[in-house]
């Protein structure tokens, strides 16, 4: 399973507009892990989640975290966007082992 790398955490912080490292980093990391676990739940093979470098997988994680972290009216729309991305992922090749994540984009 994907551990949340420093690079992924940096992308998450950019998405939620939190530039500095602080106590919220642990919360953001936990939300990213929840997103990854949810992707596993819908059948995404672990090989796609080892570095979360595939653009669709990465966008799913970023959108999930943004929806869960957001405290405004957009959070419901963001979660709907996450669910739409999950539908796209379910219809793709993500249930099978990734041949090479670098070539999958």
PDB file of N, CA and C in Angstrom:
ATOM      1  N   UNK A   1       0.843  -1.191   0.000  1.00  0.00           N
ATOM      2  CA  UNK A   1       0.000   0.000   0.000  1.00  0.00           C
ATOM      3  C   UNK A   1       0.874   1.236   0.000  1.00  0.00           C
ATOM      4  N   UNK A   2       0.333   2.296  -0.524  1.00  0.00           N
ATOM      5  CA  UNK A   2       1.066   3.554  -0.648  1.00  0.00           C
ATOM      6  C   UNK A   2       1.241   4.212   0.713  1.00  0.00           C
ATOM      7  N   UNK A   3       2.486   4.469   1.037  1.00  0.00           N
ATOM      8  CA  UNK A   3       2.724   5.359   2.155  1.00  0.00           C
ATOM      9  C   UNK A   3       2.727   6.749   1.558  1.00  0.00           C
ATOM     10  N   UNK A   4       2.296   7.698   2.284  1.00  0.00           N
ATOM     11  CA  UNK A   4       2.185   9.052   1.762  1.00  0.00           C
ATOM     12  C   UNK A   4       3.581   9.663   1.739  1.00  0.00           C
ATOM     13  N   UNK A   5       4.111   9.798   0.544  1.00  0.00           N
ATOM     14  CA  UNK A   5       5.453  10.340   0.376  1.00  0.00           C
ATOM     15  C   UNK A   5       5.462  11.843   0.644  1.00  0.00           C
ATOM     16  N   UNK A   6       6.648  12.374   0.844  1.00  0.00           N
ATOM     17  CA  UNK A   6       6.796  13.820   1.040  1.00  0.00           C
ATOM     18  C   UNK A   6       6.303  14.570  -0.184  1.00  0.00           C
ATOM     19  N   UNK A   7       6.525  14.001  -1.371  1.00  0.00           N
ATOM     20  CA  UNK A   7       6.086  14.647  -2.612  1.00  0.00           C
ATOM     21  C   UNK A   7       4.564  14.667  -2.706  1.00  0.00           C
ATOM     22  N   UNK A   8       3.912  13.543  -2.341  1.00  0.00           N
ATOM     23  CA  UNK A   8       2.450  13.503  -2.353  1.00  0.00           C
ATOM     24  C   UNK A   8       1.885  14.444  -1.298  1.00  0.00           C
ATOM     25  N   UNK A   9       2.476  14.470  -0.109  1.00  0.00           N
ATOM     26  CA  UNK A   9       2.019  15.391   0.933  1.00  0.00           C
ATOM     27  C   UNK A   9       2.165  16.836   0.481  1.00  0.00           C
ATOM     28  N   UNK A  10       3.239  17.144  -0.220  1.00  0.00           N
ATOM     29  CA  UNK A  10       3.428  18.496  -0.748  1.00  0.00           C
ATOM     30  C   UNK A  10       2.320  18.856  -1.739  1.00  0.00           C
ATOM     31  N   UNK A  11       1.962  17.911  -2.607  1.00  0.00           N
ATOM     32  CA  UNK A  11       0.876  18.149  -3.573  1.00  0.00           C
ATOM     33  C   UNK A  11      -0.457  18.329  -2.852  1.00  0.00           C
ATOM     34  N   UNK A  12      -0.672  17.562  -1.801  1.00  0.00           N
ATOM     35  CA  UNK A  12      -1.900  17.683  -1.016  1.00  0.00           C
ATOM     36  C   UNK A  12      -1.970  19.056  -0.360  1.00  0.00           C
ATOM     37  N   UNK A  13      -0.861  19.478   0.243  1.00  0.00           N
ATOM     38  CA  UNK A  13      -0.839  20.786   0.911  1.00  0.00           C
ATOM     39  C   UNK A  13      -1.085  21.916  -0.079  1.00  0.00           C
ATOM     40  N   UNK A  14      -0.570  21.781  -1.277  1.00  0.00           N
ATOM     41  CA  UNK A  14      -0.835  22.777  -2.315  1.00  0.00           C
ATOM     42  C   UNK A  14      -2.322  22.796  -2.658  1.00  0.00           C
ATOM     43  N   UNK A  15      -2.924  21.616  -2.779  1.00  0.00           N
ATOM     44  CA  UNK A  15      -4.338  21.515  -3.133  1.00  0.00           C
ATOM     45  C   UNK A  15      -5.238  22.140  -2.073  1.00  0.00           C
ATOM     46  N   UNK A  16      -4.881  21.963  -0.796  1.00  0.00           N
ATOM     47  CA  UNK A  16      -5.722  22.514   0.272  1.00  0.00           C
ATOM     48  C   UNK A  16      -5.233  23.881   0.751  1.00  0.00           C
ATOM     49  N   UNK A  17      -4.242  24.400   0.047  1.00  0.00           N
ATOM     50  CA  UNK A  17      -3.722  25.750   0.308  1.00  0.00           C
ATOM     51  C   UNK A  17      -3.100  25.892   1.695  1.00  0.00           C
ATOM     52  N   UNK A  18      -2.283  24.905   2.059  1.00  0.00           N
ATOM     53  CA  UNK A  18      -1.540  24.914   3.327  1.00  0.00           C
ATOM     54  C   UNK A  18      -0.062  24.770   2.995  1.00  0.00           C
ATOM     55  N   UNK A  19       0.641  25.867   2.879  1.00  0.00           N
ATOM     56  CA  UNK A  19       2.030  25.831   2.425  1.00  0.00           C
ATOM     57  C   UNK A  19       3.004  25.359   3.498  1.00  0.00           C
ATOM     58  N   UNK A  20       2.770  25.745   4.716  1.00  0.00           N
ATOM     59  CA  UNK A  20       3.720  25.414   5.781  1.00  0.00           C
ATOM     60  C   UNK A  20       3.435  24.061   6.396  1.00  0.00           C
ATOM     61  N   UNK A  21       4.478  23.454   6.911  1.00  0.00           N
ATOM     62  CA  UNK A  21       4.308  22.222   7.682  1.00  0.00           C
ATOM     63  C   UNK A  21       3.850  22.605   9.077  1.00  0.00           C
ATOM     64  N   UNK A  22       2.882  21.861   9.571  1.00  0.00           N
ATOM     65  CA  UNK A  22       2.400  22.118  10.920  1.00  0.00           C
ATOM     66  C   UNK A  22       1.663  20.885  11.435  1.00  0.00           C
ATOM     67  N   UNK A  23       0.953  21.049  12.496  1.00  0.00           N
ATOM     68  CA  UNK A  23       0.254  19.933  13.125  1.00  0.00           C
ATOM     69  C   UNK A  23      -0.806  19.320  12.209  1.00  0.00           C
ATOM     70  N   UNK A  24      -1.271  20.060  11.211  1.00  0.00           N
ATOM     71  CA  UNK A  24      -2.294  19.540  10.308  1.00  0.00           C
ATOM     72  C   UNK A  24      -1.740  18.528   9.315  1.00  0.00           C
ATOM     73  N   UNK A  25      -0.424  18.439   9.175  1.00  0.00           N
ATOM     74  CA  UNK A  25       0.174  17.475   8.247  1.00  0.00           C
ATOM     75  C   UNK A  25      -0.245  16.043   8.583  1.00  0.00           C
ATOM     76  N   UNK A  26      -0.334  15.730   9.860  1.00  0.00           N
ATOM     77  CA  UNK A  26      -0.740  14.382  10.264  1.00  0.00           C
ATOM     78  C   UNK A  26      -2.178  14.108   9.837  1.00  0.00           C
ATOM     79  N   UNK A  27      -3.048  15.104   9.936  1.00  0.00           N
ATOM     80  CA  UNK A  27      -4.433  14.950   9.514  1.00  0.00           C
ATOM     81  C   UNK A  27      -4.497  14.755   8.001  1.00  0.00           C
ATOM     82  N   UNK A  28      -3.731  15.539   7.253  1.00  0.00           N
ATOM     83  CA  UNK A  28      -3.709  15.409   5.795  1.00  0.00           C
ATOM     84  C   UNK A  28      -3.190  14.029   5.378  1.00  0.00           C
ATOM     85  N   UNK A  29      -2.179  13.555   6.071  1.00  0.00           N
ATOM     86  CA  UNK A  29      -1.627  12.232   5.782  1.00  0.00           C
ATOM     87  C   UNK A  29      -2.663  11.148   6.054  1.00  0.00           C
ATOM     88  N   UNK A  30      -3.383  11.274   7.166  1.00  0.00           N
ATOM     89  CA  UNK A  30      -4.415  10.286   7.505  1.00  0.00           C
ATOM     90  C   UNK A  30      -5.528  10.291   6.460  1.00  0.00           C
ATOM     91  N   UNK A  31      -5.927  11.461   5.977  1.00  0.00           N
ATOM     92  CA  UNK A  31      -6.960  11.544   4.945  1.00  0.00           C
ATOM     93  C   UNK A  31      -6.477  10.907   3.641  1.00  0.00           C
ATOM     94  N   UNK A  32      -5.211  11.121   3.299  1.00  0.00           N
ATOM     95  CA  UNK A  32      -4.650  10.505   2.093  1.00  0.00           C
ATOM     96  C   UNK A  32      -4.641   8.986   2.232  1.00  0.00           C
ATOM     97  N   UNK A  33      -4.300   8.489   3.398  1.00  0.00           N
ATOM     98  CA  UNK A  33      -4.315   7.044   3.626  1.00  0.00           C
ATOM     99  C   UNK A  33      -5.732   6.490   3.526  1.00  0.00           C
ATOM    100  N   UNK A  34      -6.712   7.253   3.987  1.00  0.00           N
ATOM    101  CA  UNK A  34      -8.111   6.837   3.862  1.00  0.00           C
ATOM    102  C   UNK A  34      -8.528   6.772   2.391  1.00  0.00           C
ATOM    103  N   UNK A  35      -8.073   7.745   1.605  1.00  0.00           N
ATOM    104  CA  UNK A  35      -8.381   7.741   0.170  1.00  0.00           C
ATOM    105  C   UNK A  35      -7.772   6.513  -0.501  1.00  0.00           C
ATOM    106  N   UNK A  36      -6.546   6.211  -0.161  1.00  0.00           N
ATOM    107  CA  UNK A  36      -5.863   5.055  -0.742  1.00  0.00           C
ATOM    108  C   UNK A  36      -6.573   3.762  -0.346  1.00  0.00           C
ATOM    109  N   UNK A  37      -6.981   3.662   0.902  1.00  0.00           N
ATOM    110  CA  UNK A  37      -7.718   2.488   1.362  1.00  0.00           C
ATOM    111  C   UNK A  37      -9.047   2.371   0.612  1.00  0.00           C
ATOM    112  N   UNK A  38      -9.703   3.504   0.346  1.00  0.00           N
ATOM    113  CA  UNK A  38     -10.962   3.478  -0.399  1.00  0.00           C
ATOM    114  C   UNK A  38     -10.724   3.006  -1.834  1.00  0.00           C
ATOM    115  N   UNK A  39      -9.622   3.428  -2.432  1.00  0.00           N
ATOM    116  CA  UNK A  39      -9.295   2.956  -3.782  1.00  0.00           C
ATOM    117  C   UNK A  39      -9.045   1.445  -3.776  1.00  0.00           C
ATOM    118  N   UNK A  40      -8.427   0.941  -2.739  1.00  0.00           N
ATOM    119  CA  UNK A  40      -8.268  -0.512  -2.602  1.00  0.00           C
ATOM    120  C   UNK A  40      -9.634  -1.185  -2.491  1.00  0.00           C
ATOM    121  N   UNK A  41     -10.529  -0.569  -1.739  1.00  0.00           N
ATOM    122  CA  UNK A  41     -11.870  -1.116  -1.533  1.00  0.00           C
ATOM    123  C   UNK A  41     -12.608  -1.298  -2.848  1.00  0.00           C
ATOM    124  N   UNK A  42     -12.427  -0.384  -3.801  1.00  0.00           N
ATOM    125  CA  UNK A  42     -13.133  -0.497  -5.078  1.00  0.00           C
ATOM    126  C   UNK A  42     -12.383  -1.383  -6.072  1.00  0.00           C
ATOM    127  N   UNK A  43     -11.266  -1.959  -5.642  1.00  0.00           N
ATOM    128  CA  UNK A  43     -10.596  -2.944  -6.469  1.00  0.00           C
ATOM    129  C   UNK A  43      -9.324  -2.510  -7.160  1.00  0.00           C
ATOM    130  N   UNK A  44      -8.788  -1.347  -6.836  1.00  0.00           N
ATOM    131  CA  UNK A  44      -7.536  -0.906  -7.448  1.00  0.00           C
ATOM    132  C   UNK A  44      -6.404  -1.805  -6.938  1.00  0.00           C
ATOM    133  N   UNK A  45      -5.655  -2.361  -7.874  1.00  0.00           N
ATOM    134  CA  UNK A  45      -4.536  -3.238  -7.522  1.00  0.00           C
ATOM    135  C   UNK A  45      -3.473  -2.438  -6.770  1.00  0.00           C
ATOM    136  N   UNK A  46      -2.858  -3.058  -5.769  1.00  0.00           N
ATOM    137  CA  UNK A  46      -1.856  -2.374  -4.944  1.00  0.00           C
ATOM    138  C   UNK A  46      -0.710  -1.780  -5.760  1.00  0.00           C
ATOM    139  N   UNK A  47      -0.383  -2.381  -6.884  1.00  0.00           N
ATOM    140  CA  UNK A  47       0.737  -1.869  -7.684  1.00  0.00           C
ATOM    141  C   UNK A  47       0.483  -0.454  -8.197  1.00  0.00           C
ATOM    142  N   UNK A  48      -0.782  -0.082  -8.345  1.00  0.00           N
ATOM    143  CA  UNK A  48      -1.110   1.283  -8.771  1.00  0.00           C
ATOM    144  C   UNK A  48      -0.990   2.272  -7.615  1.00  0.00           C
ATOM    145  N   UNK A  49      -0.961   1.747  -6.403  1.00  0.00           N
ATOM    146  CA  UNK A  49      -0.972   2.596  -5.211  1.00  0.00           C
ATOM    147  C   UNK A  49       0.390   2.701  -4.535  1.00  0.00           C
ATOM    148  N   UNK A  50       1.409   2.079  -5.094  1.00  0.00           N
ATOM    149  CA  UNK A  50       2.713   2.087  -4.439  1.00  0.00           C
ATOM    150  C   UNK A  50       3.333   3.471  -4.398  1.00  0.00           C
ATOM    151  N   UNK A  51       3.144   4.262  -5.446  1.00  0.00           N
ATOM    152  CA  UNK A  51       3.687   5.623  -5.416  1.00  0.00           C
ATOM    153  C   UNK A  51       2.656   6.681  -5.808  1.00  0.00           C
ATOM    154  N   UNK A  52       1.451   6.243  -6.125  1.00  0.00           N
ATOM    155  CA  UNK A  52       0.357   7.160  -6.493  1.00  0.00           C
ATOM    156  C   UNK A  52       0.784   8.150  -7.584  1.00  0.00           C
ATOM    157  N   UNK A  53       1.547   7.665  -8.564  1.00  0.00           N
ATOM    158  CA  UNK A  53       2.043   8.555  -9.609  1.00  0.00           C
ATOM    159  C   UNK A  53       1.120   8.631 -10.822  1.00  0.00           C
ATOM    160  N   UNK A  54       0.219   7.664 -10.980  1.00  0.00           N
ATOM    161  CA  UNK A  54      -0.725   7.718 -12.095  1.00  0.00           C
ATOM    162  C   UNK A  54      -1.609   8.950 -11.918  1.00  0.00           C
ATOM    163  N   UNK A  55      -1.799   9.737 -12.973  1.00  0.00           N
ATOM    164  CA  UNK A  55      -2.559  10.994 -12.826  1.00  0.00           C
ATOM    165  C   UNK A  55      -3.983  10.820 -12.294  1.00  0.00           C
ATOM    166  N   UNK A  56      -4.679   9.787 -12.715  1.00  0.00           N
ATOM    167  CA  UNK A  56      -6.051   9.596 -12.242  1.00  0.00           C
ATOM    168  C   UNK A  56      -6.083   9.153 -10.777  1.00  0.00           C
ATOM    169  N   UNK A  57      -5.164   8.281 -10.403  1.00  0.00           N
ATOM    170  CA  UNK A  57      -5.061   7.851  -9.003  1.00  0.00           C
ATOM    171  C   UNK A  57      -4.684   9.040  -8.119  1.00  0.00           C
ATOM    172  N   UNK A  58      -3.704   9.818  -8.562  1.00  0.00           N
ATOM    173  CA  UNK A  58      -3.261  10.991  -7.798  1.00  0.00           C
ATOM    174  C   UNK A  58      -4.407  11.984  -7.641  1.00  0.00           C
ATOM    175  N   UNK A  59      -5.143  12.235  -8.714  1.00  0.00           N
ATOM    176  CA  UNK A  59      -6.261  13.182  -8.641  1.00  0.00           C
ATOM    177  C   UNK A  59      -7.330  12.682  -7.684  1.00  0.00           C
ATOM    178  N   UNK A  60      -7.573  11.387  -7.662  1.00  0.00           N
ATOM    179  CA  UNK A  60      -8.542  10.829  -6.716  1.00  0.00           C
ATOM    180  C   UNK A  60      -8.115  11.115  -5.288  1.00  0.00           C
ATOM    181  N   UNK A  61      -6.856  10.868  -4.977  1.00  0.00           N
ATOM    182  CA  UNK A  61      -6.359  11.110  -3.617  1.00  0.00           C
ATOM    183  C   UNK A  61      -6.460  12.587  -3.265  1.00  0.00           C
ATOM    184  N   UNK A  62      -6.008  13.450  -4.164  1.00  0.00           N
ATOM    185  CA  UNK A  62      -6.044  14.894  -3.894  1.00  0.00           C
ATOM    186  C   UNK A  62      -7.468  15.397  -3.711  1.00  0.00           C
ATOM    187  N   UNK A  63      -8.386  14.920  -4.538  1.00  0.00           N
ATOM    188  CA  UNK A  63      -9.782  15.365  -4.443  1.00  0.00           C
ATOM    189  C   UNK A  63     -10.436  14.863  -3.165  1.00  0.00           C
ATOM    190  N   UNK A  64     -10.166  13.614  -2.796  1.00  0.00           N
ATOM    191  CA  UNK A  64     -10.711  13.060  -1.554  1.00  0.00           C
ATOM    192  C   UNK A  64     -10.243  13.882  -0.355  1.00  0.00           C
ATOM    193  N   UNK A  65      -8.953  14.145  -0.301  1.00  0.00           N
ATOM    194  CA  UNK A  65      -8.410  14.915   0.827  1.00  0.00           C
ATOM    195  C   UNK A  65      -9.016  16.319   0.849  1.00  0.00           C
ATOM    196  N   UNK A  66      -9.086  16.956  -0.305  1.00  0.00           N
ATOM    197  CA  UNK A  66      -9.645  18.309  -0.373  1.00  0.00           C
ATOM    198  C   UNK A  66     -11.106  18.312   0.079  1.00  0.00           C
ATOM    199  N   UNK A  67     -11.880  17.322  -0.356  1.00  0.00           N
ATOM    200  CA  UNK A  67     -13.290  17.244   0.036  1.00  0.00           C
ATOM    201  C   UNK A  67     -13.431  17.003   1.532  1.00  0.00           C
ATOM    202  N   UNK A  68     -12.596  16.147   2.074  1.00  0.00           N
ATOM    203  CA  UNK A  68     -12.686  15.812   3.491  1.00  0.00           C
ATOM    204  C   UNK A  68     -12.138  16.911   4.391  1.00  0.00           C
ATOM    205  N   UNK A  69     -11.157  17.641   3.895  1.00  0.00           N
ATOM    206  CA  UNK A  69     -10.509  18.689   4.678  1.00  0.00           C
ATOM    207  C   UNK A  69     -11.284  20.002   4.610  1.00  0.00           C
ATOM    208  N   UNK A  70     -11.999  20.202   3.516  1.00  0.00           N
ATOM    209  CA  UNK A  70     -12.730  21.444   3.284  1.00  0.00           C
ATOM    210  C   UNK A  70     -13.876  21.595   4.275  1.00  0.00           C
ATOM    211  N   UNK A  71     -14.070  22.793   4.726  1.00  0.00           N
ATOM    212  CA  UNK A  71     -15.162  23.068   5.654  1.00  0.00           C
ATOM    213  C   UNK A  71     -16.165  24.058   5.053  1.00  0.00           C
ATOM    214  N   UNK A  72     -16.185  24.145   3.730  1.00  0.00           N
ATOM    215  CA  UNK A  72     -17.099  25.093   3.099  1.00  0.00           C
ATOM    216  C   UNK A  72     -18.141  24.358   2.256  1.00  0.00           C
ATOM    217  N   UNK A  73     -18.936  25.102   1.536  1.00  0.00           N
ATOM    218  CA  UNK A  73     -20.021  24.531   0.745  1.00  0.00           C
ATOM    219  C   UNK A  73     -19.519  23.658  -0.400  1.00  0.00           C
ATOM    220  N   UNK A  74     -18.269  23.804  -0.789  1.00  0.00           N
ATOM    221  CA  UNK A  74     -17.732  23.027  -1.902  1.00  0.00           C
ATOM    222  C   UNK A  74     -17.413  21.588  -1.529  1.00  0.00           C
ATOM    223  N   UNK A  75     -17.400  21.249  -0.267  1.00  0.00           N
ATOM    224  CA  UNK A  75     -16.990  19.901   0.129  1.00  0.00           C
ATOM    225  C   UNK A  75     -17.902  18.828  -0.463  1.00  0.00           C
ATOM    226  N   UNK A  76     -19.194  19.092  -0.546  1.00  0.00           N
ATOM    227  CA  UNK A  76     -20.113  18.111  -1.133  1.00  0.00           C
ATOM    228  C   UNK A  76     -19.841  17.941  -2.629  1.00  0.00           C
ATOM    229  N   UNK A  77     -19.602  19.033  -3.320  1.00  0.00           N
ATOM    230  CA  UNK A  77     -19.280  18.958  -4.757  1.00  0.00           C
ATOM    231  C   UNK A  77     -17.954  18.235  -4.981  1.00  0.00           C
ATOM    232  N   UNK A  78     -16.999  18.486  -4.115  1.00  0.00           N
ATOM    233  CA  UNK A  78     -15.709  17.813  -4.237  1.00  0.00           C
ATOM    234  C   UNK A  78     -15.844  16.311  -4.010  1.00  0.00           C
ATOM    235  N   UNK A  79     -16.681  15.898  -3.067  1.00  0.00           N
ATOM    236  CA  UNK A  79     -16.880  14.472  -2.836  1.00  0.00           C
ATOM    237  C   UNK A  79     -17.610  13.840  -4.020  1.00  0.00           C
ATOM    238  N   UNK A  80     -18.510  14.570  -4.634  1.00  0.00           N
ATOM    239  CA  UNK A  80     -19.152  14.070  -5.851  1.00  0.00           C
ATOM    240  C   UNK A  80     -18.116  13.914  -6.965  1.00  0.00           C
ATOM    241  N   UNK A  81     -17.186  14.862  -7.054  1.00  0.00           N
ATOM    242  CA  UNK A  81     -16.109  14.757  -8.041  1.00  0.00           C
ATOM    243  C   UNK A  81     -15.245  13.532  -7.759  1.00  0.00           C
ATOM    244  N   UNK A  82     -14.939  13.278  -6.493  1.00  0.00           N
ATOM    245  CA  UNK A  82     -14.170  12.084  -6.125  1.00  0.00           C
ATOM    246  C   UNK A  82     -14.908  10.821  -6.563  1.00  0.00           C
ATOM    247  N   UNK A  83     -16.194  10.758  -6.302  1.00  0.00           N
ATOM    248  CA  UNK A  83     -16.979   9.583  -6.688  1.00  0.00           C
ATOM    249  C   UNK A  83     -16.999   9.398  -8.201  1.00  0.00           C
ATOM    250  N   UNK A  84     -17.027  10.482  -8.953  1.00  0.00           N
ATOM    251  CA  UNK A  84     -16.961  10.410 -10.415  1.00  0.00           C
ATOM    252  C   UNK A  84     -15.612   9.861 -10.869  1.00  0.00           C
ATOM    253  N   UNK A  85     -14.544  10.304 -10.235  1.00  0.00           N
ATOM    254  CA  UNK A  85     -13.213   9.786 -10.560  1.00  0.00           C
ATOM    255  C   UNK A  85     -13.160   8.287 -10.260  1.00  0.00           C
ATOM    256  N   UNK A  86     -13.755   7.868  -9.155  1.00  0.00           N
ATOM    257  CA  UNK A  86     -13.772   6.440  -8.809  1.00  0.00           C
ATOM    258  C   UNK A  86     -14.500   5.625  -9.873  1.00  0.00           C
ATOM    259  N   UNK A  87     -15.562   6.161 -10.432  1.00  0.00           N
ATOM    260  CA  UNK A  87     -16.276   5.463 -11.508  1.00  0.00           C
ATOM    261  C   UNK A  87     -15.353   5.287 -12.710  1.00  0.00           C
ATOM    262  N   UNK A  88     -14.602   6.325 -13.036  1.00  0.00           N
ATOM    263  CA  UNK A  88     -13.647   6.227 -14.142  1.00  0.00           C
ATOM    264  C   UNK A  88     -12.573   5.192 -13.843  1.00  0.00           C
ATOM    265  N   UNK A  89     -12.102   5.172 -12.614  1.00  0.00           N
ATOM    266  CA  UNK A  89     -11.075   4.205 -12.230  1.00  0.00           C
ATOM    267  C   UNK A  89     -11.621   2.786 -12.315  1.00  0.00           C
ATOM    268  N   UNK A  90     -12.844   2.568 -11.852  1.00  0.00           N
ATOM    269  CA  UNK A  90     -13.438   1.230 -11.890  1.00  0.00           C
ATOM    270  C   UNK A  90     -13.570   0.721 -13.323  1.00  0.00           C
ATOM    271  N   UNK A  91     -13.802   1.617 -14.257  1.00  0.00           N
ATOM    272  CA  UNK A  91     -13.962   1.226 -15.653  1.00  0.00           C
ATOM    273  C   UNK A  91     -12.649   1.090 -16.397  1.00  0.00           C
ATOM    274  N   UNK A  92     -11.542   1.342 -15.732  1.00  0.00           N
ATOM    275  CA  UNK A  92     -10.234   1.296 -16.377  1.00  0.00           C
ATOM    276  C   UNK A  92      -9.477   0.026 -16.093  1.00  0.00           C
ATOM    277  N   UNK A  93      -8.197   0.095 -16.290  1.00  0.00           N
ATOM    278  CA  UNK A  93      -7.308  -1.065 -16.182  1.00  0.00           C
ATOM    279  C   UNK A  93      -6.709  -1.224 -14.780  1.00  0.00           C
ATOM    280  N   UNK A  94      -7.234  -0.528 -13.816  1.00  0.00           N
ATOM    281  CA  UNK A  94      -6.607  -0.439 -12.503  1.00  0.00           C
ATOM    282  C   UNK A  94      -6.788  -1.655 -11.613  1.00  0.00           C
ATOM    283  N   UNK A  95      -7.613  -2.620 -12.026  1.00  0.00           N
ATOM    284  CA  UNK A  95      -7.796  -3.842 -11.233  1.00  0.00           C
ATOM    285  C   UNK A  95      -6.652  -4.825 -11.455  1.00  0.00           C
ATOM    286  N   UNK A  96      -5.898  -4.605 -12.526  1.00  0.00           N
ATOM    287  CA  UNK A  96      -4.783  -5.486 -12.859  1.00  0.00           C
ATOM    288  C   UNK A  96      -3.481  -4.866 -12.384  1.00  0.00           C
ATOM    289  N   UNK A  97      -2.489  -5.716 -12.254  1.00  0.00           N
ATOM    290  CA  UNK A  97      -1.174  -5.235 -11.839  1.00  0.00           C
ATOM    291  C   UNK A  97      -0.625  -4.264 -12.877  1.00  0.00           C
ATOM    292  N   UNK A  98      -0.080  -3.161 -12.406  1.00  0.00           N
ATOM    293  CA  UNK A  98       0.528  -2.176 -13.299  1.00  0.00           C
ATOM    294  C   UNK A  98       1.819  -2.750 -13.853  1.00  0.00           C
ATOM    295  N   UNK A  99       1.964  -2.676 -15.186  1.00  0.00           N
ATOM    296  CA  UNK A  99       3.214  -3.146 -15.789  1.00  0.00           C
ATOM    297  C   UNK A  99       4.356  -2.240 -15.386  1.00  0.00           C
ATOM    298  N   UNK A 100       4.126  -0.964 -15.524  1.00  0.00           N
ATOM    299  CA  UNK A 100       5.134   0.040 -15.154  1.00  0.00           C
ATOM    300  C   UNK A 100       4.390   1.339 -14.929  1.00  0.00           C
ATOM    301  N   UNK A 101       4.236   1.743 -13.669  1.00  0.00           N
ATOM    302  CA  UNK A 101       3.485   2.954 -13.364  1.00  0.00           C
ATOM    303  C   UNK A 101       3.988   4.181 -14.098  1.00  0.00           C
ATOM    304  N   UNK A 102       5.281   4.226 -14.417  1.00  0.00           N
ATOM    305  CA  UNK A 102       5.834   5.384 -15.121  1.00  0.00           C
ATOM    306  C   UNK A 102       5.274   5.473 -16.535  1.00  0.00           C
ATOM    307  N   UNK A 103       4.916   4.340 -17.147  1.00  0.00           N
ATOM    308  CA  UNK A 103       4.380   4.328 -18.511  1.00  0.00           C
ATOM    309  C   UNK A 103       2.872   4.345 -18.539  1.00  0.00           C
ATOM    310  N   UNK A 104       2.211   4.402 -17.392  1.00  0.00           N
ATOM    311  CA  UNK A 104       0.769   4.277 -17.336  1.00  0.00           C
ATOM    312  C   UNK A 104       0.020   5.580 -17.532  1.00  0.00           C
ATOM    313  N   UNK A 105       0.704   6.692 -17.578  1.00  0.00           N
ATOM    314  CA  UNK A 105      -0.003   7.957 -17.709  1.00  0.00           C
ATOM    315  C   UNK A 105      -0.337   8.282 -19.129  1.00  0.00           C
TER     316      UNK A 105
END
